[in-house]
Amino acid sequence: MTGNTPSRPDKSRGQSREDRLKAALKANLARRKAQARARADEAGNKKNEEKE
């Protein structure tokens, strides 16, 4: 007996993995962009403070 879980075709499992990887990549890219913006803002604020 194989249990109660239905077997899935390989295509749907591969597509599911691909979708998860795509979502993870998108989230990672968004996080890195936010970090870069924060660093740029921080650097800009330090330059403005030095001028005053």
PDB file of N, CA and C in Angstrom:
ATOM      1  N   MET A   1       0.835  -1.197   0.000  1.00  0.00           N
ATOM      2  CA  MET A   1       0.000   0.000   0.000  1.00  0.00           C
ATOM      3  C   MET A   1       0.873   1.252   0.000  1.00  0.00           C
ATOM      4  N   THR A   2       0.443   2.238  -0.730  1.00  0.00           N
ATOM      5  CA  THR A   2       1.222   3.473  -0.851  1.00  0.00           C
ATOM      6  C   THR A   2       0.764   4.544   0.111  1.00  0.00           C
ATOM      7  N   GLY A   3      -0.337   4.346   0.823  1.00  0.00           N
ATOM      8  CA  GLY A   3      -0.814   5.357   1.754  1.00  0.00           C
ATOM      9  C   GLY A   3      -1.959   6.148   1.177  1.00  0.00           C
ATOM     10  N   ASN A   4      -2.337   7.208   1.855  1.00  0.00           N
ATOM     11  CA  ASN A   4      -3.479   8.016   1.438  1.00  0.00           C
ATOM     12  C   ASN A   4      -3.103   9.161   0.516  1.00  0.00           C
ATOM     13  N   THR A   5      -1.827   9.424   0.337  1.00  0.00           N
ATOM     14  CA  THR A   5      -1.413  10.548  -0.499  1.00  0.00           C
ATOM     15  C   THR A   5      -1.507  10.173  -1.962  1.00  0.00           C
ATOM     16  N   PRO A   6      -2.188  10.969  -2.748  1.00  0.00           N
ATOM     17  CA  PRO A   6      -2.257  10.675  -4.184  1.00  0.00           C
ATOM     18  C   PRO A   6      -0.926  10.982  -4.854  1.00  0.00           C
ATOM     19  N   SER A   7      -0.564  10.173  -5.820  1.00  0.00           N
ATOM     20  CA  SER A   7       0.689  10.426  -6.524  1.00  0.00           C
ATOM     21  C   SER A   7       0.474  11.546  -7.531  1.00  0.00           C
ATOM     22  N   ARG A   8       1.450  12.407  -7.639  1.00  0.00           N
ATOM     23  CA  ARG A   8       1.371  13.541  -8.567  1.00  0.00           C
ATOM     24  C   ARG A   8       2.242  13.267  -9.779  1.00  0.00           C
ATOM     25  N   PRO A   9       1.855  13.780 -10.892  1.00  0.00           N
ATOM     26  CA  PRO A   9       2.734  13.665 -12.066  1.00  0.00           C
ATOM     27  C   PRO A   9       4.005  14.488 -11.848  1.00  0.00           C
ATOM     28  N   ASP A  10       5.077  14.083 -12.473  1.00  0.00           N
ATOM     29  CA  ASP A  10       6.353  14.777 -12.302  1.00  0.00           C
ATOM     30  C   ASP A  10       6.298  16.222 -12.768  1.00  0.00           C
ATOM     31  N   LYS A  11       5.506  16.508 -13.782  1.00  0.00           N
ATOM     32  CA  LYS A  11       5.436  17.876 -14.303  1.00  0.00           C
ATOM     33  C   LYS A  11       4.905  18.836 -13.249  1.00  0.00           C
ATOM     34  N   SER A  12       3.845  18.454 -12.540  1.00  0.00           N
ATOM     35  CA  SER A  12       3.281  19.364 -11.547  1.00  0.00           C
ATOM     36  C   SER A  12       4.251  19.545 -10.386  1.00  0.00           C
ATOM     37  N   ARG A  13       4.957  18.497 -10.012  1.00  0.00           N
ATOM     38  CA  ARG A  13       5.926  18.616  -8.925  1.00  0.00           C
ATOM     39  C   ARG A  13       7.081  19.516  -9.352  1.00  0.00           C
ATOM     40  N   GLY A  14       7.555  19.347 -10.584  1.00  0.00           N
ATOM     41  CA  GLY A  14       8.633  20.185 -11.104  1.00  0.00           C
ATOM     42  C   GLY A  14       8.180  21.625 -11.238  1.00  0.00           C
ATOM     43  N   GLN A  15       6.959  21.820 -11.695  1.00  0.00           N
ATOM     44  CA  GLN A  15       6.414  23.172 -11.831  1.00  0.00           C
ATOM     45  C   GLN A  15       6.268  23.812 -10.462  1.00  0.00           C
ATOM     46  N   SER A  16       5.827  23.027  -9.482  1.00  0.00           N
ATOM     47  CA  SER A  16       5.672  23.543  -8.129  1.00  0.00           C
ATOM     48  C   SER A  16       7.023  24.011  -7.584  1.00  0.00           C
ATOM     49  N   ARG A  17       8.038  23.213  -7.812  1.00  0.00           N
ATOM     50  CA  ARG A  17       9.383  23.581  -7.358  1.00  0.00           C
ATOM     51  C   ARG A  17       9.848  24.844  -8.060  1.00  0.00           C
ATOM     52  N   GLU A  18       9.593  24.896  -9.349  1.00  0.00           N
ATOM     53  CA  GLU A  18       9.989  26.068 -10.128  1.00  0.00           C
ATOM     54  C   GLU A  18       9.274  27.325  -9.623  1.00  0.00           C
ATOM     55  N   ASP A  19       7.990  27.188  -9.308  1.00  0.00           N
ATOM     56  CA  ASP A  19       7.230  28.325  -8.778  1.00  0.00           C
ATOM     57  C   ASP A  19       7.777  28.772  -7.428  1.00  0.00           C
ATOM     58  N   ARG A  20       8.115  27.802  -6.572  1.00  0.00           N
ATOM     59  CA  ARG A  20       8.682  28.150  -5.262  1.00  0.00           C
ATOM     60  C   ARG A  20      10.021  28.859  -5.418  1.00  0.00           C
ATOM     61  N   LEU A  21      10.854  28.350  -6.318  1.00  0.00           N
ATOM     62  CA  LEU A  21      12.157  28.980  -6.542  1.00  0.00           C
ATOM     63  C   LEU A  21      11.996  30.388  -7.099  1.00  0.00           C
ATOM     64  N   LYS A  22      11.041  30.556  -8.004  1.00  0.00           N
ATOM     65  CA  LYS A  22      10.784  31.866  -8.591  1.00  0.00           C
ATOM     66  C   LYS A  22      10.336  32.856  -7.512  1.00  0.00           C
ATOM     67  N   ALA A  23       9.449  32.404  -6.635  1.00  0.00           N
ATOM     68  CA  ALA A  23       8.960  33.272  -5.555  1.00  0.00           C
ATOM     69  C   ALA A  23      10.089  33.612  -4.580  1.00  0.00           C
ATOM     70  N   ALA A  24      10.929  32.644  -4.270  1.00  0.00           N
ATOM     71  CA  ALA A  24      12.046  32.885  -3.362  1.00  0.00           C
ATOM     72  C   ALA A  24      13.039  33.874  -3.976  1.00  0.00           C
ATOM     73  N   LEU A  25      13.300  33.731  -5.262  1.00  0.00           N
ATOM     74  CA  LEU A  25      14.220  34.637  -5.944  1.00  0.00           C
ATOM     75  C   LEU A  25      13.668  36.060  -5.960  1.00  0.00           C
ATOM     76  N   LYS A  26      12.371  36.181  -6.224  1.00  0.00           N
ATOM     77  CA  LYS A  26      11.732  37.495  -6.251  1.00  0.00           C
ATOM     78  C   LYS A  26      11.789  38.150  -4.873  1.00  0.00           C
ATOM     79  N   ALA A  27      11.527  37.372  -3.819  1.00  0.00           N
ATOM     80  CA  ALA A  27      11.570  37.906  -2.458  1.00  0.00           C
ATOM     81  C   ALA A  27      12.995  38.319  -2.086  1.00  0.00           C
ATOM     82  N   ASN A  28      13.971  37.517  -2.479  1.00  0.00           N
ATOM     83  CA  ASN A  28      15.367  37.821  -2.195  1.00  0.00           C
ATOM     84  C   ASN A  28      15.795  39.103  -2.904  1.00  0.00           C
ATOM     85  N   LEU A  29      15.401  39.243  -4.153  1.00  0.00           N
ATOM     86  CA  LEU A  29      15.744  40.440  -4.918  1.00  0.00           C
ATOM     87  C   LEU A  29      15.115  41.680  -4.289  1.00  0.00           C
ATOM     88  N   ALA A  30      13.857  41.569  -3.881  1.00  0.00           N
ATOM     89  CA  ALA A  30      13.179  42.703  -3.239  1.00  0.00           C
ATOM     90  C   ALA A  30      13.879  43.081  -1.943  1.00  0.00           C
ATOM     91  N   ARG A  31      14.285  42.088  -1.168  1.00  0.00           N
ATOM     92  CA  ARG A  31      14.981  42.362   0.096  1.00  0.00           C
ATOM     93  C   ARG A  31      16.328  43.038  -0.153  1.00  0.00           C
ATOM     94  N   ARG A  32      17.063  42.558  -1.148  1.00  0.00           N
ATOM     95  CA  ARG A  32      18.362  43.156  -1.458  1.00  0.00           C
ATOM     96  C   ARG A  32      18.219  44.588  -1.954  1.00  0.00           C
ATOM     97  N   LYS A  33      17.173  44.859  -2.747  1.00  0.00           N
ATOM     98  CA  LYS A  33      16.932  46.223  -3.220  1.00  0.00           C
ATOM     99  C   LYS A  33      16.600  47.138  -2.047  1.00  0.00           C
ATOM    100  N   ALA A  34      15.793  46.649  -1.119  1.00  0.00           N
ATOM    101  CA  ALA A  34      15.432  47.442   0.057  1.00  0.00           C
ATOM    102  C   ALA A  34      16.679  47.732   0.891  1.00  0.00           C
ATOM    103  N   GLN A  35      17.547  46.769   1.046  1.00  0.00           N
ATOM    104  CA  GLN A  35      18.782  46.970   1.794  1.00  0.00           C
ATOM    105  C   GLN A  35      19.663  48.003   1.106  1.00  0.00           C
ATOM    106  N   ALA A  36      19.756  47.923  -0.209  1.00  0.00           N
ATOM    107  CA  ALA A  36      20.580  48.868  -0.956  1.00  0.00           C
ATOM    108  C   ALA A  36      20.023  50.284  -0.825  1.00  0.00           C
ATOM    109  N   ARG A  37      18.683  50.406  -0.888  1.00  0.00           N
ATOM    110  CA  ARG A  37      18.066  51.728  -0.719  1.00  0.00           C
ATOM    111  C   ARG A  37      18.332  52.278   0.671  1.00  0.00           C
ATOM    112  N   ALA A  38      18.239  51.431   1.679  1.00  0.00           N
ATOM    113  CA  ALA A  38      18.472  51.860   3.059  1.00  0.00           C
ATOM    114  C   ALA A  38      19.919  52.320   3.236  1.00  0.00           C
ATOM    115  N   ARG A  39      20.836  51.576   2.650  1.00  0.00           N
ATOM    116  CA  ARG A  39      22.250  51.965   2.747  1.00  0.00           C
ATOM    117  C   ARG A  39      22.498  53.286   2.032  1.00  0.00           C
ATOM    118  N   ALA A  40      21.878  53.466   0.882  1.00  0.00           N
ATOM    119  CA  ALA A  40      22.054  54.711   0.127  1.00  0.00           C
ATOM    120  C   ALA A  40      21.461  55.884   0.904  1.00  0.00           C
ATOM    121  N   ASP A  41      20.288  55.679   1.501  1.00  0.00           N
ATOM    122  CA  ASP A  41      19.676  56.735   2.301  1.00  0.00           C
ATOM    123  C   ASP A  41      20.549  57.085   3.502  1.00  0.00           C
ATOM    124  N   GLU A  42      21.092  56.067   4.140  1.00  0.00           N
ATOM    125  CA  GLU A  42      21.947  56.283   5.308  1.00  0.00           C
ATOM    126  C   GLU A  42      23.203  57.054   4.910  1.00  0.00           C
ATOM    127  N   ALA A  43      23.801  56.684   3.806  1.00  0.00           N
ATOM    128  CA  ALA A  43      24.998  57.373   3.327  1.00  0.00           C
ATOM    129  C   ALA A  43      24.657  58.816   2.966  1.00  0.00           C
ATOM    130  N   GLY A  44      23.507  59.033   2.357  1.00  0.00           N
ATOM    131  CA  GLY A  44      23.075  60.382   1.995  1.00  0.00           C
ATOM    132  C   GLY A  44      22.822  61.223   3.220  1.00  0.00           C
ATOM    133  N   ASN A  45      22.241  60.641   4.241  1.00  0.00           N
ATOM    134  CA  ASN A  45      21.971  61.372   5.479  1.00  0.00           C
ATOM    135  C   ASN A  45      23.267  61.749   6.190  1.00  0.00           C
ATOM    136  N   LYS A  46      24.253  60.870   6.169  1.00  0.00           N
ATOM    137  CA  LYS A  46      25.533  61.174   6.815  1.00  0.00           C
ATOM    138  C   LYS A  46      26.231  62.324   6.095  1.00  0.00           C
ATOM    139  N   LYS A  47      26.143  62.355   4.766  1.00  0.00           N
ATOM    140  CA  LYS A  47      26.761  63.450   4.009  1.00  0.00           C
ATOM    141  C   LYS A  47      26.080  64.768   4.317  1.00  0.00           C
ATOM    142  N   ASN A  48      24.761  64.744   4.452  1.00  0.00           N
ATOM    143  CA  ASN A  48      24.014  65.963   4.769  1.00  0.00           C
ATOM    144  C   ASN A  48      24.353  66.458   6.164  1.00  0.00           C
ATOM    145  N   GLU A  49      24.543  65.559   7.104  1.00  0.00           N
ATOM    146  CA  GLU A  49      24.886  65.951   8.479  1.00  0.00           C
ATOM    147  C   GLU A  49      26.279  66.561   8.525  1.00  0.00           C
ATOM    148  N   GLU A  50      27.202  66.061   7.718  1.00  0.00           N
ATOM    149  CA  GLU A  50      28.562  66.573   7.712  1.00  0.00           C
ATOM    150  C   GLU A  50      28.608  67.988   7.145  1.00  0.00           C
ATOM    151  N   LYS A  51      27.710  68.313   6.213  1.00  0.00           N
ATOM    152  CA  LYS A  51      27.695  69.630   5.593  1.00  0.00           C
ATOM    153  C   LYS A  51      27.197  70.700   6.564  1.00  0.00           C
ATOM    154  N   GLU A  52      26.318  70.311   7.463  1.00  0.00           N
ATOM    155  CA  GLU A  52      25.710  71.292   8.374  1.00  0.00           C
ATOM    156  C   GLU A  52      26.608  71.673   9.468  1.00  0.00           C
TER     157      GLU A  52
END
